Amino acid sequence: MTTGVRVDKWLWAVRLFKTRTSAAKACDAGAVRIGTDPAKAARRVRPGDTVTVSRRDRTVVVEVVTLLEKRVGAPIAQAAYIDHSPPVEPPTSARGIAFGERSRGEGRPTKRDRRRIDRFRGRG
């Protein structure tokens, strides 16, 4: 018998994807790699493997520690892998301030502030 767990099942079980179907679609689209090789949904993962998932906004790199076949609670799922992902940079404005942050004590945005935010986001 082959040891290991299907990569789509493991990605779903450790909560990197909401559904197993979306994990399988990501595998079929080439967004999942085991080591340096693209992984199909049926490919088996084993402890020690490095799994890379490319998403729209970021890349997640995890090392398999524990094999899981069924979805478990978040604390157990997070213990099943070691996260080696690069840190995510928050989007910044032209002034170098992290987008969406306000100084302490400024309160809620005014109507004028809201219009500026909408213009910045491209909605206005």
PDB file of N, CA and C in Angstrom:
ATOM      1  N   MET A   1       0.838  -1.191   0.000  1.00  0.00           N
ATOM      2  CA  MET A   1       0.000   0.000   0.000  1.00  0.00           C
ATOM      3  C   MET A   1       0.878   1.248   0.000  1.00  0.00           C
ATOM      4  N   THR A   2       0.458   2.250  -0.726  1.00  0.00           N
ATOM      5  CA  THR A   2       1.213   3.484  -0.830  1.00  0.00           C
ATOM      6  C   THR A   2       1.005   4.326   0.416  1.00  0.00           C
ATOM      7  N   THR A   3       2.105   4.844   0.959  1.00  0.00           N
ATOM      8  CA  THR A   3       1.973   5.718   2.120  1.00  0.00           C
ATOM      9  C   THR A   3       1.749   7.139   1.643  1.00  0.00           C
ATOM     10  N   GLY A   4       1.194   7.930   2.501  1.00  0.00           N
ATOM     11  CA  GLY A   4       0.940   9.318   2.149  1.00  0.00           C
ATOM     12  C   GLY A   4      -0.536   9.589   1.965  1.00  0.00           C
ATOM     13  N   VAL A   5      -0.853  10.867   1.734  1.00  0.00           N
ATOM     14  CA  VAL A   5      -2.229  11.327   1.562  1.00  0.00           C
ATOM     15  C   VAL A   5      -2.281  12.149   0.280  1.00  0.00           C
ATOM     16  N   ARG A   6      -3.406  12.077  -0.416  1.00  0.00           N
ATOM     17  CA  ARG A   6      -3.579  12.901  -1.618  1.00  0.00           C
ATOM     18  C   ARG A   6      -3.377  14.367  -1.270  1.00  0.00           C
ATOM     19  N   VAL A   7      -2.707  15.100  -2.134  1.00  0.00           N
ATOM     20  CA  VAL A   7      -2.383  16.493  -1.835  1.00  0.00           C
ATOM     21  C   VAL A   7      -3.639  17.352  -1.735  1.00  0.00           C
ATOM     22  N   ASP A   8      -4.646  17.107  -2.576  1.00  0.00           N
ATOM     23  CA  ASP A   8      -5.865  17.917  -2.483  1.00  0.00           C
ATOM     24  C   ASP A   8      -6.588  17.672  -1.161  1.00  0.00           C
ATOM     25  N   LYS A   9      -6.590  16.425  -0.709  1.00  0.00           N
ATOM     26  CA  LYS A   9      -7.234  16.084   0.557  1.00  0.00           C
ATOM     27  C   LYS A   9      -6.477  16.715   1.727  1.00  0.00           C
ATOM     28  N   TRP A  10      -5.139  16.682   1.669  1.00  0.00           N
ATOM     29  CA  TRP A  10      -4.336  17.252   2.748  1.00  0.00           C
ATOM     30  C   TRP A  10      -4.483  18.772   2.809  1.00  0.00           C
ATOM     31  N   LEU A  11      -4.475  19.441   1.654  1.00  0.00           N
ATOM     32  CA  LEU A  11      -4.635  20.898   1.629  1.00  0.00           C
ATOM     33  C   LEU A  11      -5.982  21.317   2.203  1.00  0.00           C
ATOM     34  N   TRP A  12      -7.010  20.543   1.921  1.00  0.00           N
ATOM     35  CA  TRP A  12      -8.338  20.818   2.482  1.00  0.00           C
ATOM     36  C   TRP A  12      -8.358  20.530   3.982  1.00  0.00           C
ATOM     37  N   ALA A  13      -7.745  19.427   4.405  1.00  0.00           N
ATOM     38  CA  ALA A  13      -7.758  19.023   5.804  1.00  0.00           C
ATOM     39  C   ALA A  13      -7.025  20.021   6.699  1.00  0.00           C
ATOM     40  N   VAL A  14      -5.948  20.639   6.189  1.00  0.00           N
ATOM     41  CA  VAL A  14      -5.196  21.601   7.006  1.00  0.00           C
ATOM     42  C   VAL A  14      -5.702  23.022   6.803  1.00  0.00           C
ATOM     43  N   ARG A  15      -6.828  23.149   6.131  1.00  0.00           N
ATOM     44  CA  ARG A  15      -7.546  24.420   5.993  1.00  0.00           C
ATOM     45  C   ARG A  15      -6.837  25.467   5.144  1.00  0.00           C
ATOM     46  N   LEU A  16      -6.056  25.031   4.154  1.00  0.00           N
ATOM     47  CA  LEU A  16      -5.490  25.988   3.211  1.00  0.00           C
ATOM     48  C   LEU A  16      -6.484  26.297   2.094  1.00  0.00           C
ATOM     49  N   PHE A  17      -7.492  25.433   1.927  1.00  0.00           N
ATOM     50  CA  PHE A  17      -8.588  25.653   0.986  1.00  0.00           C
ATOM     51  C   PHE A  17      -9.900  25.366   1.705  1.00  0.00           C
ATOM     52  N   LYS A  18     -10.958  26.093   1.319  1.00  0.00           N
ATOM     53  CA  LYS A  18     -12.261  25.900   1.960  1.00  0.00           C
ATOM     54  C   LYS A  18     -12.909  24.586   1.560  1.00  0.00           C
ATOM     55  N   THR A  19     -12.685  24.159   0.312  1.00  0.00           N
ATOM     56  CA  THR A  19     -13.288  22.912  -0.143  1.00  0.00           C
ATOM     57  C   THR A  19     -12.227  22.049  -0.809  1.00  0.00           C
ATOM     58  N   ARG A  20     -12.485  20.757  -0.822  1.00  0.00           N
ATOM     59  CA  ARG A  20     -11.558  19.850  -1.489  1.00  0.00           C
ATOM     60  C   ARG A  20     -11.600  20.077  -2.993  1.00  0.00           C
ATOM     61  N   THR A  21     -12.753  20.451  -3.497  1.00  0.00           N
ATOM     62  CA  THR A  21     -12.886  20.731  -4.923  1.00  0.00           C
ATOM     63  C   THR A  21     -11.998  21.895  -5.332  1.00  0.00           C
ATOM     64  N   SER A  22     -11.976  22.953  -4.527  1.00  0.00           N
ATOM     65  CA  SER A  22     -11.126  24.099  -4.881  1.00  0.00           C
ATOM     66  C   SER A  22      -9.646  23.730  -4.785  1.00  0.00           C
ATOM     67  N   ALA A  23      -9.285  22.843  -3.865  1.00  0.00           N
ATOM     68  CA  ALA A  23      -7.904  22.377  -3.779  1.00  0.00           C
ATOM     69  C   ALA A  23      -7.542  21.568  -5.022  1.00  0.00           C
ATOM     70  N   ALA A  24      -8.466  20.717  -5.477  1.00  0.00           N
ATOM     71  CA  ALA A  24      -8.221  19.914  -6.681  1.00  0.00           C
ATOM     72  C   ALA A  24      -8.115  20.800  -7.919  1.00  0.00           C
ATOM     73  N   LYS A  25      -8.959  21.836  -8.003  1.00  0.00           N
ATOM     74  CA  LYS A  25      -8.888  22.756  -9.140  1.00  0.00           C
ATOM     75  C   LYS A  25      -7.565  23.510  -9.152  1.00  0.00           C
ATOM     76  N   ALA A  26      -7.081  23.904  -7.970  1.00  0.00           N
ATOM     77  CA  ALA A  26      -5.790  24.592  -7.896  1.00  0.00           C
ATOM     78  C   ALA A  26      -4.669  23.668  -8.359  1.00  0.00           C
ATOM     79  N   CYS A  27      -4.763  22.389  -8.014  1.00  0.00           N
ATOM     80  CA  CYS A  27      -3.765  21.416  -8.471  1.00  0.00           C
ATOM     81  C   CYS A  27      -3.811  21.279  -9.988  1.00  0.00           C
ATOM     82  N   ASP A  28      -5.007  21.169 -10.537  1.00  0.00           N
ATOM     83  CA  ASP A  28      -5.157  21.024 -11.987  1.00  0.00           C
ATOM     84  C   ASP A  28      -4.683  22.262 -12.737  1.00  0.00           C
ATOM     85  N   ALA A  29      -4.804  23.434 -12.107  1.00  0.00           N
ATOM     86  CA  ALA A  29      -4.376  24.681 -12.744  1.00  0.00           C
ATOM     87  C   ALA A  29      -2.874  24.899 -12.634  1.00  0.00           C
ATOM     88  N   GLY A  30      -2.183  24.041 -11.896  1.00  0.00           N
ATOM     89  CA  GLY A  30      -0.739  24.180 -11.761  1.00  0.00           C
ATOM     90  C   GLY A  30      -0.318  25.128 -10.645  1.00  0.00           C
ATOM     91  N   ALA A  31      -1.225  25.460  -9.740  1.00  0.00           N
ATOM     92  CA  ALA A  31      -0.925  26.401  -8.662  1.00  0.00           C
ATOM     93  C   ALA A  31      -0.332  25.718  -7.441  1.00  0.00           C
ATOM     94  N   VAL A  32      -0.264  24.385  -7.451  1.00  0.00           N
ATOM     95  CA  VAL A  32       0.276  23.643  -6.314  1.00  0.00           C
ATOM     96  C   VAL A  32       1.516  22.884  -6.773  1.00  0.00           C
ATOM     97  N   ARG A  33       2.577  22.994  -5.972  1.00  0.00           N
ATOM     98  CA  ARG A  33       3.820  22.282  -6.263  1.00  0.00           C
ATOM     99  C   ARG A  33       4.255  21.522  -5.027  1.00  0.00           C
ATOM    100  N   ILE A  34       4.805  20.340  -5.241  1.00  0.00           N
ATOM    101  CA  ILE A  34       5.435  19.575  -4.167  1.00  0.00           C
ATOM    102  C   ILE A  34       6.914  19.555  -4.507  1.00  0.00           C
ATOM    103  N   GLY A  35       7.700  20.214  -3.672  1.00  0.00           N
ATOM    104  CA  GLY A  35       9.102  20.427  -4.011  1.00  0.00           C
ATOM    105  C   GLY A  35       9.154  21.414  -5.169  1.00  0.00           C
ATOM    106  N   THR A  36       9.711  20.996  -6.285  1.00  0.00           N
ATOM    107  CA  THR A  36       9.760  21.861  -7.469  1.00  0.00           C
ATOM    108  C   THR A  36       8.844  21.368  -8.579  1.00  0.00           C
ATOM    109  N   ASP A  37       8.186  20.223  -8.353  1.00  0.00           N
ATOM    110  CA  ASP A  37       7.349  19.622  -9.395  1.00  0.00           C
ATOM    111  C   ASP A  37       5.888  20.023  -9.240  1.00  0.00           C
ATOM    112  N   PRO A  38       5.205  20.323 -10.355  1.00  0.00           N
ATOM    113  CA  PRO A  38       3.757  20.583 -10.272  1.00  0.00           C
ATOM    114  C   PRO A  38       3.043  19.330  -9.767  1.00  0.00           C
ATOM    115  N   ALA A  39       2.026  19.520  -8.956  1.00  0.00           N
ATOM    116  CA  ALA A  39       1.334  18.390  -8.337  1.00  0.00           C
ATOM    117  C   ALA A  39      -0.077  18.261  -8.866  1.00  0.00           C
ATOM    118  N   LYS A  40      -0.426  17.075  -9.304  1.00  0.00           N
ATOM    119  CA  LYS A  40      -1.817  16.767  -9.624  1.00  0.00           C
ATOM    120  C   LYS A  40      -2.540  16.451  -8.323  1.00  0.00           C
ATOM    121  N   ALA A  41      -3.856  16.462  -8.355  1.00  0.00           N
ATOM    122  CA  ALA A  41      -4.651  16.270  -7.138  1.00  0.00           C
ATOM    123  C   ALA A  41      -4.393  14.915  -6.478  1.00  0.00           C
ATOM    124  N   ALA A  42      -4.101  13.889  -7.245  1.00  0.00           N
ATOM    125  CA  ALA A  42      -3.915  12.544  -6.696  1.00  0.00           C
ATOM    126  C   ALA A  42      -2.497  12.291  -6.191  1.00  0.00           C
ATOM    127  N   ARG A  43      -1.599  13.232  -6.382  1.00  0.00           N
ATOM    128  CA  ARG A  43      -0.211  13.070  -5.924  1.00  0.00           C
ATOM    129  C   ARG A  43      -0.183  12.949  -4.405  1.00  0.00           C
ATOM    130  N   ARG A  44       0.650  12.076  -3.901  1.00  0.00           N
ATOM    131  CA  ARG A  44       0.728  11.821  -2.462  1.00  0.00           C
ATOM    132  C   ARG A  44       1.756  12.739  -1.798  1.00  0.00           C
ATOM    133  N   VAL A  45       1.415  13.245  -0.625  1.00  0.00           N
ATOM    134  CA  VAL A  45       2.372  14.000   0.182  1.00  0.00           C
ATOM    135  C   VAL A  45       2.788  13.141   1.360  1.00  0.00           C
ATOM    136  N   ARG A  46       4.012  13.361   1.797  1.00  0.00           N
ATOM    137  CA  ARG A  46       4.563  12.627   2.934  1.00  0.00           C
ATOM    138  C   ARG A  46       5.186  13.633   3.896  1.00  0.00           C
ATOM    139  N   PRO A  47       5.352  13.279   5.149  1.00  0.00           N
ATOM    140  CA  PRO A  47       6.017  14.183   6.080  1.00  0.00           C
ATOM    141  C   PRO A  47       7.400  14.576   5.556  1.00  0.00           C
ATOM    142  N   GLY A  48       7.703  15.844   5.638  1.00  0.00           N
ATOM    143  CA  GLY A  48       8.980  16.362   5.139  1.00  0.00           C
ATOM    144  C   GLY A  48       8.872  17.028   3.780  1.00  0.00           C
ATOM    145  N   ASP A  49       7.778  16.779   3.046  1.00  0.00           N
ATOM    146  CA  ASP A  49       7.588  17.411   1.735  1.00  0.00           C
ATOM    147  C   ASP A  49       7.304  18.904   1.901  1.00  0.00           C
ATOM    148  N   THR A  50       7.760  19.688   0.933  1.00  0.00           N
ATOM    149  CA  THR A  50       7.454  21.114   0.900  1.00  0.00           C
ATOM    150  C   THR A  50       6.381  21.342  -0.146  1.00  0.00           C
ATOM    151  N   VAL A  51       5.264  21.938   0.270  1.00  0.00           N
ATOM    152  CA  VAL A  51       4.146  22.206  -0.625  1.00  0.00           C
ATOM    153  C   VAL A  51       4.042  23.718  -0.818  1.00  0.00           C
ATOM    154  N   THR A  52       4.020  24.151  -2.091  1.00  0.00           N
ATOM    155  CA  THR A  52       3.904  25.564  -2.428  1.00  0.00           C
ATOM    156  C   THR A  52       2.580  25.787  -3.136  1.00  0.00           C
ATOM    157  N   VAL A  53       1.786  26.727  -2.621  1.00  0.00           N
ATOM    158  CA  VAL A  53       0.491  27.062  -3.216  1.00  0.00           C
ATOM    159  C   VAL A  53       0.553  28.511  -3.672  1.00  0.00           C
ATOM    160  N   SER A  54       0.367  28.743  -4.971  1.00  0.00           N
ATOM    161  CA  SER A  54       0.361  30.106  -5.511  1.00  0.00           C
ATOM    162  C   SER A  54      -1.073  30.587  -5.590  1.00  0.00           C
ATOM    163  N   ARG A  55      -1.323  31.722  -4.954  1.00  0.00           N
ATOM    164  CA  ARG A  55      -2.646  32.330  -4.991  1.00  0.00           C
ATOM    165  C   ARG A  55      -2.538  33.670  -5.675  1.00  0.00           C
ATOM    166  N   ARG A  56      -3.672  34.315  -5.878  1.00  0.00           N
ATOM    167  CA  ARG A  56      -3.682  35.621  -6.538  1.00  0.00           C
ATOM    168  C   ARG A  56      -2.788  36.628  -5.824  1.00  0.00           C
ATOM    169  N   ASP A  57      -2.970  36.721  -4.513  1.00  0.00           N
ATOM    170  CA  ASP A  57      -2.308  37.779  -3.768  1.00  0.00           C
ATOM    171  C   ASP A  57      -1.018  37.358  -3.081  1.00  0.00           C
ATOM    172  N   ARG A  58      -0.776  36.061  -2.919  1.00  0.00           N
ATOM    173  CA  ARG A  58       0.430  35.636  -2.218  1.00  0.00           C
ATOM    174  C   ARG A  58       0.770  34.186  -2.505  1.00  0.00           C
ATOM    175  N   THR A  59       1.944  33.795  -2.067  1.00  0.00           N
ATOM    176  CA  THR A  59       2.394  32.417  -2.195  1.00  0.00           C
ATOM    177  C   THR A  59       2.550  31.828  -0.807  1.00  0.00           C
ATOM    178  N   VAL A  60       1.983  30.647  -0.603  1.00  0.00           N
ATOM    179  CA  VAL A  60       2.058  29.965   0.679  1.00  0.00           C
ATOM    180  C   VAL A  60       3.015  28.784   0.528  1.00  0.00           C
ATOM    181  N   VAL A  61       4.018  28.728   1.397  1.00  0.00           N
ATOM    182  CA  VAL A  61       4.991  27.640   1.381  1.00  0.00           C
ATOM    183  C   VAL A  61       4.922  26.948   2.741  1.00  0.00           C
ATOM    184  N   VAL A  62       4.571  25.660   2.739  1.00  0.00           N
ATOM    185  CA  VAL A  62       4.453  24.911   3.983  1.00  0.00           C
ATOM    186  C   VAL A  62       5.222  23.597   3.886  1.00  0.00           C
ATOM    187  N   GLU A  63       5.688  23.135   5.037  1.00  0.00           N
ATOM    188  CA  GLU A  63       6.354  21.845   5.131  1.00  0.00           C
ATOM    189  C   GLU A  63       5.417  20.890   5.856  1.00  0.00           C
ATOM    190  N   VAL A  64       5.190  19.723   5.290  1.00  0.00           N
ATOM    191  CA  VAL A  64       4.273  18.736   5.857  1.00  0.00           C
ATOM    192  C   VAL A  64       4.907  18.117   7.097  1.00  0.00           C
ATOM    193  N   VAL A  65       4.193  18.144   8.218  1.00  0.00           N
ATOM    194  CA  VAL A  65       4.659  17.535   9.461  1.00  0.00           C
ATOM    195  C   VAL A  65       3.823  16.297   9.767  1.00  0.00           C
ATOM    196  N   THR A  66       2.487  16.448   9.671  1.00  0.00           N
ATOM    197  CA  THR A  66       1.558  15.364   9.996  1.00  0.00           C
ATOM    198  C   THR A  66       0.621  15.145   8.819  1.00  0.00           C
ATOM    199  N   LEU A  67       0.293  13.894   8.570  1.00  0.00           N
ATOM    200  CA  LEU A  67      -0.658  13.580   7.506  1.00  0.00           C
ATOM    201  C   LEU A  67      -2.071  13.569   8.078  1.00  0.00           C
ATOM    202  N   LEU A  68      -2.950  14.296   7.418  1.00  0.00           N
ATOM    203  CA  LEU A  68      -4.357  14.348   7.817  1.00  0.00           C
ATOM    204  C   LEU A  68      -5.219  14.004   6.611  1.00  0.00           C
ATOM    205  N   GLU A  69      -6.229  13.172   6.825  1.00  0.00           N
ATOM    206  CA  GLU A  69      -7.150  12.837   5.741  1.00  0.00           C
ATOM    207  C   GLU A  69      -8.506  13.483   5.933  1.00  0.00           C
ATOM    208  N   LYS A  70      -8.814  13.859   7.163  1.00  0.00           N
ATOM    209  CA  LYS A  70     -10.108  14.481   7.443  1.00  0.00           C
ATOM    210  C   LYS A  70      -9.875  15.872   8.000  1.00  0.00           C
ATOM    211  N   ARG A  71     -10.824  16.742   7.752  1.00  0.00           N
ATOM    212  CA  ARG A  71     -10.732  18.119   8.226  1.00  0.00           C
ATOM    213  C   ARG A  71     -10.845  18.136   9.748  1.00  0.00           C
ATOM    214  N   VAL A  72      -9.935  18.873  10.371  1.00  0.00           N
ATOM    215  CA  VAL A  72      -9.885  18.927  11.828  1.00  0.00           C
ATOM    216  C   VAL A  72      -9.959  20.378  12.275  1.00  0.00           C
ATOM    217  N   GLY A  73      -9.980  20.598  13.571  1.00  0.00           N
ATOM    218  CA  GLY A  73     -10.014  21.944  14.110  1.00  0.00           C
ATOM    219  C   GLY A  73      -8.768  22.735  13.733  1.00  0.00           C
ATOM    220  N   ALA A  74      -8.888  24.050  13.767  1.00  0.00           N
ATOM    221  CA  ALA A  74      -7.802  24.928  13.342  1.00  0.00           C
ATOM    222  C   ALA A  74      -6.498  24.712  14.108  1.00  0.00           C
ATOM    223  N   PRO A  75      -6.510  24.575  15.443  1.00  0.00           N
ATOM    224  CA  PRO A  75      -5.233  24.377  16.142  1.00  0.00           C
ATOM    225  C   PRO A  75      -4.519  23.090  15.718  1.00  0.00           C
ATOM    226  N   ILE A  76      -5.268  22.022  15.510  1.00  0.00           N
ATOM    227  CA  ILE A  76      -4.669  20.755  15.074  1.00  0.00           C
ATOM    228  C   ILE A  76      -4.166  20.883  13.644  1.00  0.00           C
ATOM    229  N   ALA A  77      -4.947  21.566  12.802  1.00  0.00           N
ATOM    230  CA  ALA A  77      -4.554  21.752  11.407  1.00  0.00           C
ATOM    231  C   ALA A  77      -3.269  22.564  11.302  1.00  0.00           C
ATOM    232  N   GLN A  78      -3.133  23.612  12.112  1.00  0.00           N
ATOM    233  CA  GLN A  78      -1.930  24.438  12.062  1.00  0.00           C
ATOM    234  C   GLN A  78      -0.709  23.686  12.576  1.00  0.00           C
ATOM    235  N   ALA A  79      -0.916  22.709  13.442  1.00  0.00           N
ATOM    236  CA  ALA A  79       0.202  21.911  13.939  1.00  0.00           C
ATOM    237  C   ALA A  79       0.654  20.864  12.919  1.00  0.00           C
ATOM    238  N   ALA A  80      -0.130  20.657  11.863  1.00  0.00           N
ATOM    239  CA  ALA A  80       0.190  19.642  10.861  1.00  0.00           C
ATOM    240  C   ALA A  80       1.187  20.129   9.827  1.00  0.00           C
ATOM    241  N   TYR A  81       1.551  21.403   9.871  1.00  0.00           N
ATOM    242  CA  TYR A  81       2.527  21.924   8.927  1.00  0.00           C
ATOM    243  C   TYR A  81       3.339  23.041   9.559  1.00  0.00           C
ATOM    244  N   ILE A  82       4.494  23.322   8.942  1.00  0.00           N
ATOM    245  CA  ILE A  82       5.336  24.442   9.343  1.00  0.00           C
ATOM    246  C   ILE A  82       5.264  25.452   8.210  1.00  0.00           C
ATOM    247  N   ASP A  83       4.892  26.675   8.530  1.00  0.00           N
ATOM    248  CA  ASP A  83       4.711  27.711   7.518  1.00  0.00           C
ATOM    249  C   ASP A  83       6.043  28.402   7.233  1.00  0.00           C
ATOM    250  N   HIS A  84       6.489  28.330   5.969  1.00  0.00           N
ATOM    251  CA  HIS A  84       7.716  28.993   5.523  1.00  0.00           C
ATOM    252  C   HIS A  84       7.395  30.109   4.535  1.00  0.00           C
ATOM    253  N   SER A  85       6.159  30.598   4.549  1.00  0.00           N
ATOM    254  CA  SER A  85       5.715  31.616   3.593  1.00  0.00           C
ATOM    255  C   SER A  85       6.451  32.930   3.824  1.00  0.00           C
ATOM    256  N   PRO A  86       6.738  33.649   2.724  1.00  0.00           N
ATOM    257  CA  PRO A  86       7.323  34.978   2.896  1.00  0.00           C
ATOM    258  C   PRO A  86       6.293  35.916   3.508  1.00  0.00           C
ATOM    259  N   PRO A  87       6.744  36.909   4.294  1.00  0.00           N
ATOM    260  CA  PRO A  87       5.785  37.827   4.913  1.00  0.00           C
ATOM    261  C   PRO A  87       5.037  38.643   3.863  1.00  0.00           C
ATOM    262  N   VAL A  88       3.799  38.980   4.189  1.00  0.00           N
ATOM    263  CA  VAL A  88       2.956  39.741   3.275  1.00  0.00           C
ATOM    264  C   VAL A  88       3.137  41.224   3.566  1.00  0.00           C
ATOM    265  N   GLU A  89       3.441  42.004   2.546  1.00  0.00           N
ATOM    266  CA  GLU A  89       3.591  43.446   2.688  1.00  0.00           C
ATOM    267  C   GLU A  89       2.214  44.099   2.587  1.00  0.00           C
ATOM    268  N   PRO A  90       1.840  44.937   3.551  1.00  0.00           N
ATOM    269  CA  PRO A  90       0.553  45.627   3.422  1.00  0.00           C
ATOM    270  C   PRO A  90       0.627  46.664   2.305  1.00  0.00           C
ATOM    271  N   PRO A  91      -0.460  46.857   1.565  1.00  0.00           N
ATOM    272  CA  PRO A  91      -0.438  47.859   0.499  1.00  0.00           C
ATOM    273  C   PRO A  91      -0.245  49.250   1.093  1.00  0.00           C
ATOM    274  N   THR A  92       0.545  50.071   0.409  1.00  0.00           N
ATOM    275  CA  THR A  92       0.810  51.418   0.905  1.00  0.00           C
ATOM    276  C   THR A  92       0.329  52.453  -0.093  1.00  0.00           C
ATOM    277  N   SER A  93       0.063  53.643   0.420  1.00  0.00           N
ATOM    278  CA  SER A  93      -0.365  54.741  -0.439  1.00  0.00           C
ATOM    279  C   SER A  93       0.865  55.452  -0.985  1.00  0.00           C
ATOM    280  N   ALA A  94       0.647  56.497  -1.766  1.00  0.00           N
ATOM    281  CA  ALA A  94       1.746  57.257  -2.351  1.00  0.00           C
ATOM    282  C   ALA A  94       2.581  57.940  -1.275  1.00  0.00           C
ATOM    283  N   ARG A  95       1.981  58.213  -0.125  1.00  0.00           N
ATOM    284  CA  ARG A  95       2.707  58.871   0.969  1.00  0.00           C
ATOM    285  C   ARG A  95       3.481  57.889   1.836  1.00  0.00           C
ATOM    286  N   GLY A  96       3.417  56.597   1.524  1.00  0.00           N
ATOM    287  CA  GLY A  96       4.151  55.601   2.288  1.00  0.00           C
ATOM    288  C   GLY A  96       3.432  55.117   3.525  1.00  0.00           C
ATOM    289  N   ILE A  97       2.186  55.514   3.713  1.00  0.00           N
ATOM    290  CA  ILE A  97       1.397  55.079   4.858  1.00  0.00           C
ATOM    291  C   ILE A  97       0.668  53.800   4.455  1.00  0.00           C
ATOM    292  N   ALA A  98       0.621  52.846   5.350  1.00  0.00           N
ATOM    293  CA  ALA A  98      -0.093  51.609   5.057  1.00  0.00           C
ATOM    294  C   ALA A  98      -1.552  51.937   4.776  1.00  0.00           C
ATOM    295  N   PHE A  99      -2.068  51.392   3.683  1.00  0.00           N
ATOM    296  CA  PHE A  99      -3.425  51.694   3.261  1.00  0.00           C
ATOM    297  C   PHE A  99      -4.428  51.227   4.294  1.00  0.00           C
ATOM    298  N   GLY A 100      -5.390  52.063   4.607  1.00  0.00           N
ATOM    299  CA  GLY A 100      -6.453  51.723   5.527  1.00  0.00           C
ATOM    300  C   GLY A 100      -6.129  52.030   6.969  1.00  0.00           C
ATOM    301  N   GLU A 101      -4.921  52.504   7.243  1.00  0.00           N
ATOM    302  CA  GLU A 101      -4.568  52.831   8.624  1.00  0.00           C
ATOM    303  C   GLU A 101      -4.817  54.307   8.892  1.00  0.00           C
ATOM    304  N   ARG A 102      -5.284  54.580  10.085  1.00  0.00           N
ATOM    305  CA  ARG A 102      -5.505  55.957  10.518  1.00  0.00           C
ATOM    306  C   ARG A 102      -4.760  56.150  11.821  1.00  0.00           C
ATOM    307  N   SER A 103      -4.324  57.368  12.052  1.00  0.00           N
ATOM    308  CA  SER A 103      -3.636  57.663  13.299  1.00  0.00           C
ATOM    309  C   SER A 103      -4.608  57.551  14.462  1.00  0.00           C
ATOM    310  N   ARG A 104      -4.084  57.217  15.600  1.00  0.00           N
ATOM    311  CA  ARG A 104      -4.912  57.061  16.796  1.00  0.00           C
ATOM    312  C   ARG A 104      -5.572  58.393  17.139  1.00  0.00           C
ATOM    313  N   GLY A 105      -6.857  58.345  17.409  1.00  0.00           N
ATOM    314  CA  GLY A 105      -7.582  59.540  17.805  1.00  0.00           C
ATOM    315  C   GLY A 105      -8.219  60.300  16.660  1.00  0.00           C
ATOM    316  N   GLU A 106      -8.010  59.863  15.417  1.00  0.00           N
ATOM    317  CA  GLU A 106      -8.614  60.565  14.282  1.00  0.00           C
ATOM    318  C   GLU A 106     -10.084  60.237  14.126  1.00  0.00           C
ATOM    319  N   GLY A 107     -10.536  59.177  14.730  1.00  0.00           N
ATOM    320  CA  GLY A 107     -11.950  58.832  14.655  1.00  0.00           C
ATOM    321  C   GLY A 107     -12.345  58.283  13.296  1.00  0.00           C
ATOM    322  N   ARG A 108     -13.647  58.309  13.040  1.00  0.00           N
ATOM    323  CA  ARG A 108     -14.161  57.786  11.776  1.00  0.00           C
ATOM    324  C   ARG A 108     -13.840  58.736  10.641  1.00  0.00           C
ATOM    325  N   PRO A 109     -13.730  58.210   9.417  1.00  0.00           N
ATOM    326  CA  PRO A 109     -13.488  59.094   8.279  1.00  0.00           C
ATOM    327  C   PRO A 109     -14.681  60.014   8.036  1.00  0.00           C
ATOM    328  N   THR A 110     -14.384  61.248   7.656  1.00  0.00           N
ATOM    329  CA  THR A 110     -15.449  62.188   7.315  1.00  0.00           C
ATOM    330  C   THR A 110     -15.923  61.885   5.899  1.00  0.00           C
ATOM    331  N   LYS A 111     -16.941  62.591   5.467  1.00  0.00           N
ATOM    332  CA  LYS A 111     -17.450  62.402   4.115  1.00  0.00           C
ATOM    333  C   LYS A 111     -16.357  62.725   3.094  1.00  0.00           C
ATOM    334  N   ARG A 112     -15.604  63.774   3.369  1.00  0.00           N
ATOM    335  CA  ARG A 112     -14.507  64.169   2.487  1.00  0.00           C
ATOM    336  C   ARG A 112     -13.427  63.076   2.451  1.00  0.00           C
ATOM    337  N   ASP A 113     -13.091  62.532   3.634  1.00  0.00           N
ATOM    338  CA  ASP A 113     -12.117  61.442   3.697  1.00  0.00           C
ATOM    339  C   ASP A 113     -12.611  60.226   2.916  1.00  0.00           C
ATOM    340  N   ARG A 114     -13.894  59.913   3.064  1.00  0.00           N
ATOM    341  CA  ARG A 114     -14.477  58.766   2.368  1.00  0.00           C
ATOM    342  C   ARG A 114     -14.360  58.939   0.860  1.00  0.00           C
ATOM    343  N   ARG A 115     -14.625  60.145   0.349  1.00  0.00           N
ATOM    344  CA  ARG A 115     -14.495  60.401  -1.091  1.00  0.00           C
ATOM    345  C   ARG A 115     -13.059  60.198  -1.548  1.00  0.00           C
ATOM    346  N   ARG A 116     -12.095  60.651  -0.742  1.00  0.00           N
ATOM    347  CA  ARG A 116     -10.680  60.462  -1.087  1.00  0.00           C
ATOM    348  C   ARG A 116     -10.297  58.985  -1.092  1.00  0.00           C
ATOM    349  N   ILE A 117     -10.792  58.256  -0.122  1.00  0.00           N
ATOM    350  CA  ILE A 117     -10.501  56.815  -0.066  1.00  0.00           C
ATOM    351  C   ILE A 117     -11.098  56.118  -1.286  1.00  0.00           C
ATOM    352  N   ASP A 118     -12.347  56.458  -1.629  1.00  0.00           N
ATOM    353  CA  ASP A 118     -12.979  55.839  -2.787  1.00  0.00           C
ATOM    354  C   ASP A 118     -12.222  56.182  -4.075  1.00  0.00           C
ATOM    355  N   ARG A 119     -11.754  57.423  -4.198  1.00  0.00           N
ATOM    356  CA  ARG A 119     -10.977  57.826  -5.374  1.00  0.00           C
ATOM    357  C   ARG A 119      -9.669  57.038  -5.438  1.00  0.00           C
ATOM    358  N   PHE A 120      -9.021  56.844  -4.277  1.00  0.00           N
ATOM    359  CA  PHE A 120      -7.777  56.104  -4.206  1.00  0.00           C
ATOM    360  C   PHE A 120      -7.972  54.655  -4.619  1.00  0.00           C
ATOM    361  N   ARG A 121      -9.089  54.064  -4.193  1.00  0.00           N
ATOM    362  CA  ARG A 121      -9.391  52.677  -4.536  1.00  0.00           C
ATOM    363  C   ARG A 121      -9.874  52.514  -5.965  1.00  0.00           C
ATOM    364  N   GLY A 122     -10.160  53.622  -6.641  1.00  0.00           N
ATOM    365  CA  GLY A 122     -10.609  53.547  -8.027  1.00  0.00           C
ATOM    366  C   GLY A 122     -12.094  53.385  -8.189  1.00  0.00           C
ATOM    367  N   ARG A 123     -12.855  53.763  -7.167  1.00  0.00           N
ATOM    368  CA  ARG A 123     -14.306  53.618  -7.227  1.00  0.00           C
ATOM    369  C   ARG A 123     -15.010  54.942  -7.516  1.00  0.00           C
ATOM    370  N   GLY A 124     -14.254  55.995  -7.586  1.00  0.00           N
ATOM    371  CA  GLY A 124     -14.966  57.269  -7.709  1.00  0.00           C
ATOM    372  C   GLY A 124     -14.455  58.183  -8.735  1.00  0.00           C
TER     373      GLY A 124
END
